[in-house]
Amino acid sequence: MKKTQVLDWLYRTAAFMEENKTYLTKLDTAIGDADHGNNMHRGFSNVIEQLPKYEEKDIGSICKAVAMVLISKVGGASGPLYGTMFMQAANTVNGKEELSGDDLKKFLKAGLEGIIMRGKASVGDKTMVDAYTPALAAFSDSIENGDDISSALDKAVAASEEGMKSTIPLIAKKGRASYLGERSKDHQDPGATSLTLMLTAMRDASKA
């Protein structure tokens, strides 16, 4: 995955967050603070505004810059979680201008570890971890079986979508949704949804 495709991923993510702002907010209205869509849209709009300053830098530096913008501009839990994801992932690709399948596997793995470190969530807690964990497993297996990055990301997105849907019957154990107890059932987690959108943007960028 070339640096131009990494940049394209960030632009596509921003576009997805804008297109799905109302949908993400609707999901968050049911079990959260009703601000996830607006927060993600604002955060990635700021990322895109800042990106021209960093486009000539290496992939690690670009992702660190993204992390700092998200931490400073995204409200609620999403800013620290996504910011930590980008920061931890960035540390695996310092100085790189292009990512191999193995590089991207390490990048995605570190991102998930960052989210877990920050949010202390596990699979089954009704968070973005429910989408990210199976996506990483599918991507890793695909790369280890010799698939190219685009094919591996196809499988990651499919697994993420299944993980996202799996949050619907769950009772939330983390974040604002956990305060609702049984009433958090039958609602799709907004964080798992925005994470799936982000992986979809990465998949699309890998094919461009």
Protein backbone atom coordinates (compact mmCIF):
# COMPACT_ATOMS: atom_id res chain seq x y z
CA MET A 1 0.00 0.00 0.00
CA LYS A 2 1.64 3.20 -1.17
CA LYS A 3 1.70 6.43 0.79
CA THR A 4 -0.67 7.98 -1.76
CA GLN A 5 -3.15 5.22 -0.94
CA VAL A 6 -2.76 5.83 2.80
CA LEU A 7 -3.57 9.50 2.19
CA ASP A 8 -6.49 8.46 -0.02
CA TRP A 9 -7.71 6.28 2.86
CA LEU A 10 -7.82 9.31 5.16
CA TYR A 11 -9.68 11.42 2.60
CA ARG A 12 -12.16 8.60 1.97
CA THR A 13 -12.66 8.12 5.72
CA ALA A 14 -13.48 11.82 6.07
CA ALA A 15 -15.98 11.54 3.22
CA PHE A 16 -17.62 8.49 4.81
CA MET A 17 -17.90 10.25 8.15
CA GLU A 18 -19.59 13.20 6.46
CA GLU A 19 -21.97 10.97 4.49
CA ASN A 20 -22.86 8.90 7.56
CA LYS A 21 -22.88 11.67 10.16
CA THR A 22 -26.66 11.53 10.65
CA TYR A 23 -26.71 7.71 10.71
CA LEU A 24 -23.93 7.49 13.31
CA THR A 25 -25.66 10.11 15.44
CA LYS A 26 -28.95 8.21 15.19
CA LEU A 27 -27.21 5.06 16.45
CA ASP A 28 -25.61 7.04 19.27
CA THR A 29 -28.90 8.71 20.19
CA ALA A 30 -30.29 5.32 21.17
CA ILE A 31 -27.49 4.31 23.54
CA GLY A 32 -25.05 7.19 23.93
CA ASP A 33 -24.68 10.96 23.92
CA ALA A 34 -26.11 11.50 20.42
CA ASP A 35 -22.85 13.04 19.24
CA HIS A 36 -20.78 10.25 17.63
CA GLY A 37 -21.60 11.25 14.07
CA ASN A 38 -20.88 14.93 14.65
CA ASN A 39 -17.70 14.15 16.57
CA MET A 40 -16.30 11.83 13.90
CA HIS A 41 -17.22 14.25 11.13
CA ARG A 42 -15.60 17.17 12.95
CA GLY A 43 -12.50 15.17 13.76
CA PHE A 44 -11.83 13.94 10.24
CA SER A 45 -12.73 17.31 8.72
CA ASN A 46 -9.92 18.73 10.84
CA VAL A 47 -7.63 15.88 9.76
CA ILE A 48 -8.22 16.78 6.10
CA GLU A 49 -7.61 20.47 6.80
CA GLN A 50 -4.27 19.64 8.44
CA LEU A 51 -3.19 16.91 6.01
CA PRO A 52 -1.51 19.13 3.40
CA LYS A 53 1.10 20.07 6.04
CA TYR A 54 2.10 16.42 6.41
CA GLU A 55 1.66 14.88 2.96
CA GLU A 56 5.40 14.97 2.23
CA LYS A 57 6.26 13.15 5.46
CA ASP A 58 6.51 9.39 5.94
CA ILE A 59 3.46 7.25 6.77
CA GLY A 60 4.32 7.04 10.47
CA SER A 61 4.56 10.82 10.79
CA ILE A 62 1.29 11.30 8.90
CA CYS A 63 -0.53 8.90 11.23
CA LYS A 64 0.93 10.56 14.33
CA ALA A 65 -0.37 13.89 13.07
CA VAL A 66 -3.80 12.31 12.54
CA ALA A 67 -3.69 10.97 16.10
CA MET A 68 -3.00 14.40 17.58
CA VAL A 69 -5.82 16.02 15.61
CA LEU A 70 -8.33 13.36 16.67
CA ILE A 71 -7.32 13.57 20.32
CA SER A 72 -7.66 17.35 20.32
CA LYS A 73 -10.75 17.74 18.11
CA VAL A 74 -13.03 14.74 18.71
CA GLY A 75 -15.21 14.85 21.79
CA GLY A 76 -16.39 12.01 24.00
CA ALA A 77 -14.57 8.69 24.18
CA SER A 78 -13.99 8.49 20.43
CA GLY A 79 -11.19 11.06 20.29
CA PRO A 80 -8.90 9.33 22.81
CA LEU A 81 -9.75 5.89 21.41
CA TYR A 82 -9.19 6.65 17.75
CA GLY A 83 -6.29 8.94 18.56
CA THR A 84 -4.58 6.17 20.53
CA MET A 85 -5.31 3.73 17.71
CA PHE A 86 -3.53 5.96 15.18
CA MET A 87 -0.66 6.73 17.54
CA GLN A 88 0.07 3.10 18.36
CA ALA A 89 -0.32 2.06 14.72
CA ALA A 90 1.99 4.88 13.60
CA ASN A 91 4.79 3.55 15.77
CA THR A 92 4.95 0.39 13.64
CA VAL A 93 5.49 2.26 10.36
CA ASN A 94 7.96 5.01 11.25
CA GLY A 95 9.95 6.16 8.23
CA LYS A 96 8.00 4.03 5.74
CA GLU A 97 6.82 5.31 2.35
CA GLU A 98 5.01 2.09 1.45
CA LEU A 99 3.40 -0.75 3.43
CA SER A 100 3.63 -4.46 2.70
CA GLY A 101 0.87 -6.83 3.78
CA ASP A 102 2.91 -7.70 6.85
CA ASP A 103 3.46 -4.00 7.63
CA LEU A 104 -0.27 -3.36 7.44
CA LYS A 105 -0.97 -6.38 9.64
CA LYS A 106 1.35 -4.95 12.32
CA PHE A 107 -0.22 -1.50 11.82
CA LEU A 108 -3.75 -2.80 12.33
CA LYS A 109 -2.73 -5.03 15.24
CA ALA A 110 -1.08 -2.13 17.08
CA GLY A 111 -4.17 0.01 16.46
CA LEU A 112 -6.43 -2.56 18.07
CA GLU A 113 -4.03 -2.95 21.00
CA GLY A 114 -4.12 0.83 21.44
CA ILE A 115 -7.92 0.85 21.60
CA ILE A 116 -7.96 -2.01 24.11
CA MET A 117 -5.26 -0.31 26.20
CA ARG A 118 -7.23 2.92 26.29
CA GLY A 119 -10.78 1.60 26.57
CA LYS A 120 -10.21 -1.65 28.50
CA ALA A 121 -12.85 -3.34 26.33
CA SER A 122 -13.07 -6.97 25.24
CA VAL A 123 -15.07 -8.77 22.57
CA GLY A 124 -18.67 -8.94 23.76
CA ASP A 125 -18.64 -5.57 25.53
CA LYS A 126 -20.56 -3.90 22.65
CA THR A 127 -17.79 -1.59 21.40
CA MET A 128 -15.66 -1.07 18.30
CA VAL A 129 -13.51 -3.97 19.57
CA ASP A 130 -16.30 -6.31 18.46
CA ALA A 131 -15.79 -5.19 14.86
CA TYR A 132 -12.03 -4.64 14.93
CA THR A 133 -11.02 -8.01 16.46
CA PRO A 134 -12.54 -10.26 13.78
CA ALA A 135 -11.42 -7.84 11.06
CA LEU A 136 -7.80 -8.09 12.21
CA ALA A 137 -8.03 -11.89 12.43
CA ALA A 138 -9.45 -12.13 8.91
CA PHE A 139 -6.84 -9.75 7.50
CA SER A 140 -3.96 -11.54 9.22
CA ASP A 141 -5.10 -14.98 8.09
CA SER A 142 -5.52 -13.75 4.53
CA ILE A 143 -2.04 -12.17 4.40
CA GLU A 144 -0.48 -15.29 5.92
CA ASN A 145 -2.20 -17.36 3.22
CA GLY A 146 -0.52 -15.26 0.53
CA ASP A 147 -3.37 -12.94 -0.47
CA ASP A 148 -2.66 -9.39 -1.58
CA ILE A 149 -3.65 -6.40 0.56
CA SER A 150 -6.88 -5.64 -1.33
CA SER A 151 -8.12 -9.23 -1.03
CA ALA A 152 -7.16 -9.32 2.64
CA LEU A 153 -9.01 -6.06 3.26
CA ASP A 154 -12.09 -7.44 1.48
CA LYS A 155 -12.14 -10.22 4.08
CA ALA A 156 -11.41 -7.78 6.91
CA VAL A 157 -14.35 -5.56 5.95
CA ALA A 158 -16.71 -8.55 5.70
CA ALA A 159 -15.59 -9.71 9.16
CA SER A 160 -15.93 -6.19 10.56
CA GLU A 161 -19.47 -5.92 9.23
CA GLU A 162 -20.38 -9.20 10.91
CA GLY A 163 -18.77 -8.02 14.14
CA MET A 164 -20.64 -4.73 13.90
CA LYS A 165 -23.96 -6.56 13.51
CA SER A 166 -23.07 -8.86 16.39
CA THR A 167 -23.25 -5.85 18.74
CA ILE A 168 -27.00 -5.48 18.21
CA PRO A 169 -28.18 -8.12 20.75
CA LEU A 170 -25.41 -7.38 23.25
CA ILE A 171 -25.75 -5.57 26.56
CA ALA A 172 -23.18 -2.78 26.72
CA LYS A 173 -20.47 -3.13 29.36
CA LYS A 174 -18.39 -0.04 28.55
CA GLY A 175 -18.99 3.66 28.03
CA ARG A 176 -22.18 5.66 28.30
CA ALA A 177 -24.23 2.79 26.82
CA SER A 178 -23.36 0.59 29.82
CA TYR A 179 -25.50 2.84 32.04
CA LEU A 180 -28.58 1.61 30.17
CA GLY A 181 -28.11 -2.04 31.12
CA GLU A 182 -30.72 -4.22 29.39
CA ARG A 183 -32.02 -1.22 27.44
CA SER A 184 -28.78 -1.16 25.42
CA LYS A 185 -29.88 -4.40 23.73
CA ASP A 186 -31.20 -4.38 20.16
CA HIS A 187 -29.09 -1.39 19.12
CA GLN A 188 -26.01 -1.42 16.90
CA ASP A 189 -22.92 0.07 18.48
CA PRO A 190 -21.94 3.38 16.82
CA GLY A 191 -18.20 2.87 17.46
CA ALA A 192 -18.24 -0.52 15.75
CA THR A 193 -20.03 1.17 12.87
CA SER A 194 -17.54 4.02 12.44
CA LEU A 195 -14.66 1.52 12.69
CA THR A 196 -16.23 -0.53 9.89
CA LEU A 197 -16.57 2.61 7.78
CA MET A 198 -12.88 3.35 8.34
CA LEU A 199 -11.84 -0.15 7.25
CA THR A 200 -14.14 0.09 4.22
CA ALA A 201 -12.39 3.33 3.25
CA MET A 202 -9.03 1.58 3.59
CA ARG A 203 -10.23 -1.30 1.40
CA ASP A 204 -11.48 1.12 -1.27
CA ALA A 205 -8.23 3.10 -1.20
CA SER A 206 -6.21 -0.09 -1.66
CA LYS A 207 -8.05 -0.76 -4.92
CA ALA A 208 -7.70 2.77 -6.30
